[in-house]
């Protein structure tokens, strides 16, 4: 059985009479890259701040490594690293000197450890450069290096690719993959950049208006129920007329050289059989359900007025 590293139980946070987070129950298992998703204002950052004891819950409970955070705060948070919002460094100092200073505040972290985290973050060749000369992406990686100084078993990253260009996003994404695969670090990755999360996350939770919508393994969620299918055939119009009359097909249209439709994931072979029987040559049938497709399905009909209000 997988070990639960972090669990929230009916976690709730009210600001005045409005719930920023309501009755939230999530589980993060050891070794997960856990995508924590939701639109702006969904309650992601509030949840993370409660997990890090930066703010207090109104109700509910947080357990980290099987221990109540409220009762064992210092003990469990020593095993947690985090990068929340934009990392802040002394620009006139080098990356090495910044981490030496931070390490001295945290109990005299030795130079070998500092160089190790800089190497993990792929900054070892630039460790003597002043941080003011770093790109935004390099500063983000330095922020992750800082979060690794205490050898955390659980690493929490809140919007680590925010504001980065494609190269910076790629660098941070590859770093997350390395931390997961080579160092077996359990990672919570909060983001609204769905494509980025889809490439690295093993499990995920989507919240909106403070409430959990779904959680589970990424691929199982994306392969569930309906999916978008792209079909390339030799006779688009004939195939379109055939398929639009099938009761399991919806949202069908012709896009460039493809037919695009929505159908249950177990209907791909039926579609192929139908087309072939009607002398239509099928070049490709590509079922695809992206995280963005799924996310929009779940959140686009939500309305701010649905956020829970406190009974008084």
C-alpha atoms as a PDB file:
ATOM      1  CA  UNK A   1       0.000   0.000   0.000  1.00  0.00           C
ATOM      2  CA  UNK A   2       1.292   3.445  -0.955  1.00  0.00           C
ATOM      3  CA  UNK A   3       2.379   5.644   1.924  1.00  0.00           C
ATOM      4  CA  UNK A   4       0.378   8.840   2.343  1.00  0.00           C
ATOM      5  CA  UNK A   5       2.812  11.737   2.702  1.00  0.00           C
ATOM      6  CA  UNK A   6       0.213  14.485   3.006  1.00  0.00           C
ATOM      7  CA  UNK A   7      -3.510  14.387   3.677  1.00  0.00           C
ATOM      8  CA  UNK A   8      -6.070  17.106   4.279  1.00  0.00           C
ATOM      9  CA  UNK A   9      -9.276  16.212   6.062  1.00  0.00           C
ATOM     10  CA  UNK A  10     -12.269  18.535   5.622  1.00  0.00           C
ATOM     11  CA  UNK A  11      -9.843  21.440   5.363  1.00  0.00           C
ATOM     12  CA  UNK A  12     -11.684  24.762   5.391  1.00  0.00           C
ATOM     13  CA  UNK A  13     -10.619  28.389   5.433  1.00  0.00           C
ATOM     14  CA  UNK A  14     -13.066  31.283   5.701  1.00  0.00           C
ATOM     15  CA  UNK A  15     -12.212  34.919   5.116  1.00  0.00           C
ATOM     16  CA  UNK A  16     -15.021  36.772   6.847  1.00  0.00           C
ATOM     17  CA  UNK A  17     -18.099  34.896   5.601  1.00  0.00           C
ATOM     18  CA  UNK A  18     -16.685  33.460   2.342  1.00  0.00           C
ATOM     19  CA  UNK A  19     -14.853  30.150   2.064  1.00  0.00           C
ATOM     20  CA  UNK A  20     -11.543  30.354   0.209  1.00  0.00           C
ATOM     21  CA  UNK A  21     -11.226  26.592   0.784  1.00  0.00           C
ATOM     22  CA  UNK A  22     -14.149  24.383   1.760  1.00  0.00           C
ATOM     23  CA  UNK A  23     -14.187  20.808   3.079  1.00  0.00           C
ATOM     24  CA  UNK A  24     -11.078  19.860   1.080  1.00  0.00           C
ATOM     25  CA  UNK A  25      -9.877  16.245   1.187  1.00  0.00           C
ATOM     26  CA  UNK A  26      -6.747  15.452  -0.830  1.00  0.00           C
ATOM     27  CA  UNK A  27      -4.120  12.735  -0.528  1.00  0.00           C
ATOM     28  CA  UNK A  28      -0.529  12.882  -1.766  1.00  0.00           C
ATOM     29  CA  UNK A  29       1.396   9.601  -1.869  1.00  0.00           C
ATOM     30  CA  UNK A  30       5.137   9.073  -1.585  1.00  0.00           C
ATOM     31  CA  UNK A  31       6.809   9.517  -4.971  1.00  0.00           C
ATOM     32  CA  UNK A  32       3.940  11.519  -6.469  1.00  0.00           C
ATOM     33  CA  UNK A  33       4.353  14.535  -8.654  1.00  0.00           C
ATOM     34  CA  UNK A  34       0.994  15.876  -7.565  1.00  0.00           C
ATOM     35  CA  UNK A  35      -0.535  18.490  -9.837  1.00  0.00           C
ATOM     36  CA  UNK A  36      -2.670  20.879  -7.791  1.00  0.00           C
ATOM     37  CA  UNK A  37      -4.802  22.703 -10.338  1.00  0.00           C
ATOM     38  CA  UNK A  38      -7.424  25.393 -10.430  1.00  0.00           C
ATOM     39  CA  UNK A  39      -8.140  28.829 -11.899  1.00  0.00           C
ATOM     40  CA  UNK A  40      -7.034  32.005 -10.170  1.00  0.00           C
ATOM     41  CA  UNK A  41      -8.937  32.362  -6.912  1.00  0.00           C
ATOM     42  CA  UNK A  42      -9.705  28.646  -6.690  1.00  0.00           C
ATOM     43  CA  UNK A  43      -8.007  28.281  -3.295  1.00  0.00           C
ATOM     44  CA  UNK A  44      -4.681  26.702  -4.306  1.00  0.00           C
ATOM     45  CA  UNK A  45      -2.397  29.231  -2.639  1.00  0.00           C
ATOM     46  CA  UNK A  46      -4.581  29.377   0.464  1.00  0.00           C
ATOM     47  CA  UNK A  47      -4.344  25.600   0.775  1.00  0.00           C
ATOM     48  CA  UNK A  48      -0.568  25.658   0.380  1.00  0.00           C
ATOM     49  CA  UNK A  49      -0.214  28.375   2.996  1.00  0.00           C
ATOM     50  CA  UNK A  50      -2.239  26.271   5.416  1.00  0.00           C
ATOM     51  CA  UNK A  51      -0.042  23.242   4.676  1.00  0.00           C
ATOM     52  CA  UNK A  52       3.060  25.333   5.428  1.00  0.00           C
ATOM     53  CA  UNK A  53       1.483  26.798   8.588  1.00  0.00           C
ATOM     54  CA  UNK A  54       1.630  30.323   7.190  1.00  0.00           C
ATOM     55  CA  UNK A  55      -2.074  30.732   7.915  1.00  0.00           C
ATOM     56  CA  UNK A  56      -4.404  28.798  10.202  1.00  0.00           C
ATOM     57  CA  UNK A  57      -7.360  26.751   8.958  1.00  0.00           C
ATOM     58  CA  UNK A  58     -10.832  27.651  10.137  1.00  0.00           C
ATOM     59  CA  UNK A  59     -11.746  23.972  10.326  1.00  0.00           C
ATOM     60  CA  UNK A  60     -10.316  20.616   9.359  1.00  0.00           C
ATOM     61  CA  UNK A  61      -7.013  18.858   9.750  1.00  0.00           C
ATOM     62  CA  UNK A  62      -3.689  18.482   7.938  1.00  0.00           C
ATOM     63  CA  UNK A  63      -1.493  15.408   8.370  1.00  0.00           C
ATOM     64  CA  UNK A  64       2.075  15.295   7.021  1.00  0.00           C
ATOM     65  CA  UNK A  65       4.042  12.043   7.240  1.00  0.00           C
ATOM     66  CA  UNK A  66       1.130  10.651   9.248  1.00  0.00           C
ATOM     67  CA  UNK A  67       1.362  13.321  11.954  1.00  0.00           C
ATOM     68  CA  UNK A  68      -1.033  16.107  12.853  1.00  0.00           C
ATOM     69  CA  UNK A  69       0.536  19.344  11.610  1.00  0.00           C
ATOM     70  CA  UNK A  70      -0.995  21.350  14.449  1.00  0.00           C
ATOM     71  CA  UNK A  71       0.623  19.119  17.091  1.00  0.00           C
ATOM     72  CA  UNK A  72       3.939  18.373  15.352  1.00  0.00           C
ATOM     73  CA  UNK A  73       4.541  21.528  13.298  1.00  0.00           C
ATOM     74  CA  UNK A  74       8.310  21.929  13.793  1.00  0.00           C
ATOM     75  CA  UNK A  75       9.031  18.221  13.426  1.00  0.00           C
ATOM     76  CA  UNK A  76       7.215  17.672  10.146  1.00  0.00           C
ATOM     77  CA  UNK A  77       8.068  20.984   8.465  1.00  0.00           C
ATOM     78  CA  UNK A  78      11.792  20.205   8.854  1.00  0.00           C
ATOM     79  CA  UNK A  79      11.164  17.509   6.236  1.00  0.00           C
ATOM     80  CA  UNK A  80       9.357  19.870   3.841  1.00  0.00           C
ATOM     81  CA  UNK A  81      10.840  22.288   1.288  1.00  0.00           C
ATOM     82  CA  UNK A  82       8.860  24.971  -0.503  1.00  0.00           C
ATOM     83  CA  UNK A  83       8.951  27.653  -3.143  1.00  0.00           C
ATOM     84  CA  UNK A  84       6.006  29.993  -2.727  1.00  0.00           C
ATOM     85  CA  UNK A  85       5.653  32.881  -5.158  1.00  0.00           C
ATOM     86  CA  UNK A  86       8.751  34.651  -6.478  1.00  0.00           C
ATOM     87  CA  UNK A  87      12.046  33.696  -4.782  1.00  0.00           C
ATOM     88  CA  UNK A  88      13.873  36.631  -3.191  1.00  0.00           C
ATOM     89  CA  UNK A  89      17.677  36.900  -3.159  1.00  0.00           C
ATOM     90  CA  UNK A  90      20.406  39.487  -2.665  1.00  0.00           C
ATOM     91  CA  UNK A  91      21.110  40.579  -6.231  1.00  0.00           C
ATOM     92  CA  UNK A  92      24.620  41.864  -5.474  1.00  0.00           C
ATOM     93  CA  UNK A  93      25.692  38.419  -4.195  1.00  0.00           C
ATOM     94  CA  UNK A  94      26.461  35.297  -6.187  1.00  0.00           C
ATOM     95  CA  UNK A  95      24.179  32.263  -6.110  1.00  0.00           C
ATOM     96  CA  UNK A  96      26.764  30.479  -3.970  1.00  0.00           C
ATOM     97  CA  UNK A  97      26.957  33.311  -1.439  1.00  0.00           C
ATOM     98  CA  UNK A  98      23.184  33.655  -1.307  1.00  0.00           C
ATOM     99  CA  UNK A  99      22.804  29.985  -0.446  1.00  0.00           C
ATOM    100  CA  UNK A 100      25.669  30.170   2.067  1.00  0.00           C
ATOM    101  CA  UNK A 101      23.866  33.002   3.827  1.00  0.00           C
ATOM    102  CA  UNK A 102      20.531  31.185   3.784  1.00  0.00           C
ATOM    103  CA  UNK A 103      22.250  27.991   4.929  1.00  0.00           C
ATOM    104  CA  UNK A 104      23.792  29.810   7.879  1.00  0.00           C
ATOM    105  CA  UNK A 105      20.332  30.900   8.990  1.00  0.00           C
ATOM    106  CA  UNK A 106      19.119  27.315   8.795  1.00  0.00           C
ATOM    107  CA  UNK A 107      21.887  25.719  10.839  1.00  0.00           C
ATOM    108  CA  UNK A 108      25.171  26.112   8.941  1.00  0.00           C
ATOM    109  CA  UNK A 109      24.568  24.036   5.819  1.00  0.00           C
ATOM    110  CA  UNK A 110      27.987  22.944   4.550  1.00  0.00           C
ATOM    111  CA  UNK A 111      29.493  23.983   1.200  1.00  0.00           C
ATOM    112  CA  UNK A 112      29.300  20.477  -0.253  1.00  0.00           C
ATOM    113  CA  UNK A 113      25.552  20.426   0.280  1.00  0.00           C
ATOM    114  CA  UNK A 114      25.184  23.878  -1.272  1.00  0.00           C
ATOM    115  CA  UNK A 115      27.173  22.853  -4.340  1.00  0.00           C
ATOM    116  CA  UNK A 116      25.119  19.676  -4.616  1.00  0.00           C
ATOM    117  CA  UNK A 117      21.798  21.551  -4.803  1.00  0.00           C
ATOM    118  CA  UNK A 118      23.288  24.011  -7.293  1.00  0.00           C
ATOM    119  CA  UNK A 119      24.346  21.067  -9.421  1.00  0.00           C
ATOM    120  CA  UNK A 120      20.859  19.541  -9.211  1.00  0.00           C
ATOM    121  CA  UNK A 121      19.422  22.888 -10.323  1.00  0.00           C
ATOM    122  CA  UNK A 122      21.962  23.005 -13.200  1.00  0.00           C
ATOM    123  CA  UNK A 123      23.533  26.201 -11.855  1.00  0.00           C
ATOM    124  CA  UNK A 124      26.942  24.905 -10.799  1.00  0.00           C
ATOM    125  CA  UNK A 125      28.698  26.582 -13.752  1.00  0.00           C
ATOM    126  CA  UNK A 126      27.125  29.933 -12.866  1.00  0.00           C
ATOM    127  CA  UNK A 127      27.342  29.724  -9.062  1.00  0.00           C
ATOM    128  CA  UNK A 128      29.885  32.568  -8.815  1.00  0.00           C
ATOM    129  CA  UNK A 129      27.804  34.935 -10.986  1.00  0.00           C
ATOM    130  CA  UNK A 130      25.833  37.658  -9.262  1.00  0.00           C
ATOM    131  CA  UNK A 131      22.130  36.904  -9.094  1.00  0.00           C
ATOM    132  CA  UNK A 132      21.319  40.265 -10.723  1.00  0.00           C
ATOM    133  CA  UNK A 133      22.709  38.778 -13.942  1.00  0.00           C
ATOM    134  CA  UNK A 134      20.468  35.706 -13.766  1.00  0.00           C
ATOM    135  CA  UNK A 135      17.476  35.207 -16.036  1.00  0.00           C
ATOM    136  CA  UNK A 136      14.051  34.761 -14.455  1.00  0.00           C
ATOM    137  CA  UNK A 137      14.243  31.034 -15.140  1.00  0.00           C
ATOM    138  CA  UNK A 138      17.631  30.767 -13.416  1.00  0.00           C
ATOM    139  CA  UNK A 139      16.264  32.606 -10.392  1.00  0.00           C
ATOM    140  CA  UNK A 140      13.377  30.155 -10.234  1.00  0.00           C
ATOM    141  CA  UNK A 141      15.804  27.225 -10.328  1.00  0.00           C
ATOM    142  CA  UNK A 142      17.888  28.906  -7.637  1.00  0.00           C
ATOM    143  CA  UNK A 143      14.712  29.189  -5.579  1.00  0.00           C
ATOM    144  CA  UNK A 144      14.176  25.443  -5.959  1.00  0.00           C
ATOM    145  CA  UNK A 145      17.831  24.852  -5.012  1.00  0.00           C
ATOM    146  CA  UNK A 146      17.218  26.869  -1.853  1.00  0.00           C
ATOM    147  CA  UNK A 147      14.167  24.712  -1.082  1.00  0.00           C
ATOM    148  CA  UNK A 148      16.370  21.606  -1.350  1.00  0.00           C
ATOM    149  CA  UNK A 149      18.913  22.697   1.264  1.00  0.00           C
ATOM    150  CA  UNK A 150      17.219  20.692   4.014  1.00  0.00           C
ATOM    151  CA  UNK A 151      16.939  17.490   1.893  1.00  0.00           C
ATOM    152  CA  UNK A 152      13.135  17.632   1.909  1.00  0.00           C
ATOM    153  CA  UNK A 153      11.089  14.491   1.479  1.00  0.00           C
ATOM    154  CA  UNK A 154       8.183  16.670   0.356  1.00  0.00           C
ATOM    155  CA  UNK A 155       8.721  19.651  -1.955  1.00  0.00           C
ATOM    156  CA  UNK A 156       5.904  22.154  -2.491  1.00  0.00           C
ATOM    157  CA  UNK A 157       6.130  24.425  -5.531  1.00  0.00           C
ATOM    158  CA  UNK A 158       3.530  27.161  -5.963  1.00  0.00           C
ATOM    159  CA  UNK A 159       3.401  28.348  -9.592  1.00  0.00           C
ATOM    160  CA  UNK A 160       7.126  27.688 -10.235  1.00  0.00           C
ATOM    161  CA  UNK A 161       6.889  28.485 -13.971  1.00  0.00           C
ATOM    162  CA  UNK A 162       4.877  31.683 -13.580  1.00  0.00           C
ATOM    163  CA  UNK A 163       6.217  34.415 -15.857  1.00  0.00           C
ATOM    164  CA  UNK A 164       8.808  32.199 -17.534  1.00  0.00           C
ATOM    165  CA  UNK A 165       9.475  32.034 -21.260  1.00  0.00           C
ATOM    166  CA  UNK A 166       9.310  28.604 -22.985  1.00  0.00           C
ATOM    167  CA  UNK A 167      13.007  27.904 -22.304  1.00  0.00           C
ATOM    168  CA  UNK A 168      12.592  28.742 -18.627  1.00  0.00           C
ATOM    169  CA  UNK A 169       9.500  26.529 -18.392  1.00  0.00           C
ATOM    170  CA  UNK A 170      11.399  23.670 -19.981  1.00  0.00           C
ATOM    171  CA  UNK A 171      14.302  24.054 -17.541  1.00  0.00           C
ATOM    172  CA  UNK A 172      12.019  24.005 -14.491  1.00  0.00           C
ATOM    173  CA  UNK A 173      10.019  21.097 -15.896  1.00  0.00           C
ATOM    174  CA  UNK A 174      13.171  19.048 -16.451  1.00  0.00           C
ATOM    175  CA  UNK A 175      14.331  19.856 -12.923  1.00  0.00           C
ATOM    176  CA  UNK A 176      11.036  18.584 -11.499  1.00  0.00           C
ATOM    177  CA  UNK A 177      11.395  15.381 -13.513  1.00  0.00           C
ATOM    178  CA  UNK A 178      14.943  14.908 -12.203  1.00  0.00           C
ATOM    179  CA  UNK A 179      13.917  15.451  -8.588  1.00  0.00           C
ATOM    180  CA  UNK A 180      11.137  12.904  -8.967  1.00  0.00           C
ATOM    181  CA  UNK A 181      12.964  10.200 -10.935  1.00  0.00           C
ATOM    182  CA  UNK A 182      16.496  10.420  -9.531  1.00  0.00           C
ATOM    183  CA  UNK A 183      15.911  11.625  -5.969  1.00  0.00           C
ATOM    184  CA  UNK A 184      12.445  10.160  -5.331  1.00  0.00           C
ATOM    185  CA  UNK A 185      11.239  13.503  -3.997  1.00  0.00           C
ATOM    186  CA  UNK A 186       7.489  13.794  -3.485  1.00  0.00           C
ATOM    187  CA  UNK A 187       6.372  17.019  -5.162  1.00  0.00           C
ATOM    188  CA  UNK A 188       3.219  19.102  -4.977  1.00  0.00           C
ATOM    189  CA  UNK A 189       3.063  21.321  -8.043  1.00  0.00           C
ATOM    190  CA  UNK A 190       0.469  24.079  -7.921  1.00  0.00           C
ATOM    191  CA  UNK A 191      -0.190  25.658 -11.298  1.00  0.00           C
ATOM    192  CA  UNK A 192      -2.731  26.954 -13.775  1.00  0.00           C
ATOM    193  CA  UNK A 193      -0.445  26.014 -16.709  1.00  0.00           C
ATOM    194  CA  UNK A 194      -2.198  22.782 -17.589  1.00  0.00           C
ATOM    195  CA  UNK A 195       0.090  21.684 -20.407  1.00  0.00           C
ATOM    196  CA  UNK A 196       3.123  21.909 -18.136  1.00  0.00           C
ATOM    197  CA  UNK A 197       1.471  19.871 -15.382  1.00  0.00           C
ATOM    198  CA  UNK A 198       0.254  17.233 -17.825  1.00  0.00           C
ATOM    199  CA  UNK A 199       3.859  16.517 -18.837  1.00  0.00           C
ATOM    200  CA  UNK A 200       5.186  15.892 -15.332  1.00  0.00           C
ATOM    201  CA  UNK A 201       2.336  15.006 -12.943  1.00  0.00           C
ATOM    202  CA  UNK A 202       1.515  11.423 -11.949  1.00  0.00           C
ATOM    203  CA  UNK A 203      -1.539  12.320  -9.875  1.00  0.00           C
ATOM    204  CA  UNK A 204      -3.606  15.476  -9.637  1.00  0.00           C
ATOM    205  CA  UNK A 205      -6.441  17.303  -7.959  1.00  0.00           C
ATOM    206  CA  UNK A 206      -8.549  20.034  -9.516  1.00  0.00           C
ATOM    207  CA  UNK A 207     -10.236  22.552  -7.234  1.00  0.00           C
ATOM    208  CA  UNK A 208     -12.514  25.449  -8.050  1.00  0.00           C
ATOM    209  CA  UNK A 209     -14.227  27.979  -5.808  1.00  0.00           C
ATOM    210  CA  UNK A 210     -12.479  26.372  -2.856  1.00  0.00           C
ATOM    211  CA  UNK A 211     -13.922  22.899  -3.443  1.00  0.00           C
ATOM    212  CA  UNK A 212     -12.412  19.679  -4.750  1.00  0.00           C
ATOM    213  CA  UNK A 213     -13.769  18.685  -8.152  1.00  0.00           C
ATOM    214  CA  UNK A 214     -11.721  15.580  -8.895  1.00  0.00           C
ATOM    215  CA  UNK A 215      -8.495  13.832  -7.878  1.00  0.00           C
ATOM    216  CA  UNK A 216      -6.675  10.714  -9.031  1.00  0.00           C
ATOM    217  CA  UNK A 217      -4.027   9.434 -11.428  1.00  0.00           C
ATOM    218  CA  UNK A 218      -3.622  11.778 -14.387  1.00  0.00           C
ATOM    219  CA  UNK A 219      -3.835   9.166 -17.127  1.00  0.00           C
ATOM    220  CA  UNK A 220      -6.789   7.359 -15.553  1.00  0.00           C
ATOM    221  CA  UNK A 221      -8.703  10.618 -15.295  1.00  0.00           C
ATOM    222  CA  UNK A 222      -7.892  11.653 -18.847  1.00  0.00           C
ATOM    223  CA  UNK A 223      -8.803   8.228 -20.268  1.00  0.00           C
ATOM    224  CA  UNK A 224     -12.129   8.128 -18.443  1.00  0.00           C
ATOM    225  CA  UNK A 225     -15.453   8.554 -20.207  1.00  0.00           C
ATOM    226  CA  UNK A 226     -15.444  10.769 -23.309  1.00  0.00           C
ATOM    227  CA  UNK A 227     -12.505  11.997 -25.342  1.00  0.00           C
ATOM    228  CA  UNK A 228     -11.813  14.089 -28.404  1.00  0.00           C
ATOM    229  CA  UNK A 229     -10.979  12.060 -31.525  1.00  0.00           C
ATOM    230  CA  UNK A 230      -9.261  13.314 -34.696  1.00  0.00           C
ATOM    231  CA  UNK A 231      -9.968  11.256 -37.822  1.00  0.00           C
ATOM    232  CA  UNK A 232      -8.230  11.516 -41.189  1.00  0.00           C
ATOM    233  CA  UNK A 233     -10.004   9.853 -44.138  1.00  0.00           C
ATOM    234  CA  UNK A 234     -10.093  10.041 -47.940  1.00  0.00           C
ATOM    235  CA  UNK A 235     -13.671  11.371 -48.050  1.00  0.00           C
ATOM    236  CA  UNK A 236     -14.294  13.891 -45.276  1.00  0.00           C
ATOM    237  CA  UNK A 237     -17.858  14.823 -46.207  1.00  0.00           C
ATOM    238  CA  UNK A 238     -19.099  11.245 -46.550  1.00  0.00           C
ATOM    239  CA  UNK A 239     -17.490  10.277 -43.231  1.00  0.00           C
ATOM    240  CA  UNK A 240     -18.971  13.363 -41.572  1.00  0.00           C
ATOM    241  CA  UNK A 241     -22.503  12.500 -42.762  1.00  0.00           C
ATOM    242  CA  UNK A 242     -22.141   8.935 -41.479  1.00  0.00           C
ATOM    243  CA  UNK A 243     -20.733   9.764 -38.093  1.00  0.00           C
ATOM    244  CA  UNK A 244     -23.018  12.686 -37.221  1.00  0.00           C
ATOM    245  CA  UNK A 245     -25.985  10.283 -37.074  1.00  0.00           C
ATOM    246  CA  UNK A 246     -24.379   7.978 -34.491  1.00  0.00           C
ATOM    247  CA  UNK A 247     -25.956   8.544 -31.090  1.00  0.00           C
ATOM    248  CA  UNK A 248     -22.622   8.258 -29.259  1.00  0.00           C
ATOM    249  CA  UNK A 249     -21.026  11.063 -31.331  1.00  0.00           C
ATOM    250  CA  UNK A 250     -21.208  14.723 -30.333  1.00  0.00           C
ATOM    251  CA  UNK A 251     -19.514  18.013 -31.189  1.00  0.00           C
ATOM    252  CA  UNK A 252     -18.566  16.773 -34.649  1.00  0.00           C
ATOM    253  CA  UNK A 253     -17.015  19.127 -37.184  1.00  0.00           C
ATOM    254  CA  UNK A 254     -14.524  19.247 -40.028  1.00  0.00           C
ATOM    255  CA  UNK A 255     -11.261  21.016 -39.231  1.00  0.00           C
ATOM    256  CA  UNK A 256      -8.785  21.329 -42.119  1.00  0.00           C
ATOM    257  CA  UNK A 257      -8.045  17.740 -43.211  1.00  0.00           C
ATOM    258  CA  UNK A 258      -9.543  16.097 -40.112  1.00  0.00           C
ATOM    259  CA  UNK A 259     -12.914  15.274 -38.644  1.00  0.00           C
ATOM    260  CA  UNK A 260     -12.962  16.216 -34.982  1.00  0.00           C
ATOM    261  CA  UNK A 261     -15.590  14.708 -32.687  1.00  0.00           C
ATOM    262  CA  UNK A 262     -16.292  13.706 -29.116  1.00  0.00           C
ATOM    263  CA  UNK A 263     -17.124  10.090 -28.263  1.00  0.00           C
ATOM    264  CA  UNK A 264     -16.698   7.554 -25.428  1.00  0.00           C
ATOM    265  CA  UNK A 265     -13.174   6.168 -25.270  1.00  0.00           C
ATOM    266  CA  UNK A 266     -14.412   2.637 -26.031  1.00  0.00           C
ATOM    267  CA  UNK A 267     -15.957   3.651 -29.381  1.00  0.00           C
ATOM    268  CA  UNK A 268     -12.771   4.142 -31.404  1.00  0.00           C
ATOM    269  CA  UNK A 269     -12.924   0.646 -32.958  1.00  0.00           C
ATOM    270  CA  UNK A 270     -16.659   1.077 -33.737  1.00  0.00           C
ATOM    271  CA  UNK A 271     -15.911   4.308 -35.598  1.00  0.00           C
ATOM    272  CA  UNK A 272     -13.174   2.640 -37.607  1.00  0.00           C
ATOM    273  CA  UNK A 273     -15.423  -0.330 -38.456  1.00  0.00           C
ATOM    274  CA  UNK A 274     -18.283   1.924 -39.563  1.00  0.00           C
ATOM    275  CA  UNK A 275     -16.053   3.925 -41.911  1.00  0.00           C
ATOM    276  CA  UNK A 276     -14.352   0.895 -43.439  1.00  0.00           C
ATOM    277  CA  UNK A 277     -17.697  -0.864 -44.061  1.00  0.00           C
ATOM    278  CA  UNK A 278     -18.772   2.168 -46.039  1.00  0.00           C
ATOM    279  CA  UNK A 279     -15.671   2.076 -48.265  1.00  0.00           C
ATOM    280  CA  UNK A 280     -13.999   5.024 -46.602  1.00  0.00           C
ATOM    281  CA  UNK A 281     -10.225   4.750 -46.295  1.00  0.00           C
ATOM    282  CA  UNK A 282      -9.045   5.633 -42.809  1.00  0.00           C
ATOM    283  CA  UNK A 283      -5.549   7.115 -42.573  1.00  0.00           C
ATOM    284  CA  UNK A 284      -5.622   7.747 -38.811  1.00  0.00           C
ATOM    285  CA  UNK A 285      -7.872   7.807 -35.770  1.00  0.00           C
ATOM    286  CA  UNK A 286      -6.244   9.693 -32.918  1.00  0.00           C
ATOM    287  CA  UNK A 287      -8.069   9.732 -29.590  1.00  0.00           C
ATOM    288  CA  UNK A 288      -6.850  12.543 -27.399  1.00  0.00           C
ATOM    289  CA  UNK A 289      -8.090  14.075 -24.228  1.00  0.00           C
ATOM    290  CA  UNK A 290      -5.784  16.745 -22.923  1.00  0.00           C
ATOM    291  CA  UNK A 291      -5.724  17.995 -19.377  1.00  0.00           C
ATOM    292  CA  UNK A 292      -6.889  21.350 -20.689  1.00  0.00           C
ATOM    293  CA  UNK A 293      -9.950  19.738 -22.318  1.00  0.00           C
ATOM    294  CA  UNK A 294     -10.831  17.988 -19.088  1.00  0.00           C
ATOM    295  CA  UNK A 295     -10.143  21.018 -16.921  1.00  0.00           C
ATOM    296  CA  UNK A 296     -12.373  23.262 -19.007  1.00  0.00           C
ATOM    297  CA  UNK A 297     -15.177  20.690 -18.934  1.00  0.00           C
ATOM    298  CA  UNK A 298     -15.108  20.737 -15.147  1.00  0.00           C
ATOM    299  CA  UNK A 299     -14.647  24.442 -14.469  1.00  0.00           C
ATOM    300  CA  UNK A 300     -16.268  26.426 -17.271  1.00  0.00           C
ATOM    301  CA  UNK A 301     -19.782  26.121 -15.855  1.00  0.00           C
ATOM    302  CA  UNK A 302     -18.819  27.066 -12.303  1.00  0.00           C
ATOM    303  CA  UNK A 303     -19.866  30.498 -11.076  1.00  0.00           C
ATOM    304  CA  UNK A 304     -18.383  32.651  -8.300  1.00  0.00           C
ATOM    305  CA  UNK A 305     -21.750  32.768  -6.515  1.00  0.00           C
ATOM    306  CA  UNK A 306     -21.383  29.016  -5.904  1.00  0.00           C
ATOM    307  CA  UNK A 307     -18.597  29.607  -3.383  1.00  0.00           C
ATOM    308  CA  UNK A 308     -19.683  28.476   0.080  1.00  0.00           C
ATOM    309  CA  UNK A 309     -20.755  31.114   2.583  1.00  0.00           C
ATOM    310  CA  UNK A 310     -20.535  30.715   6.315  1.00  0.00           C
ATOM    311  CA  UNK A 311     -23.772  30.341   8.238  1.00  0.00           C
ATOM    312  CA  UNK A 312     -24.050  32.992  10.907  1.00  0.00           C
END
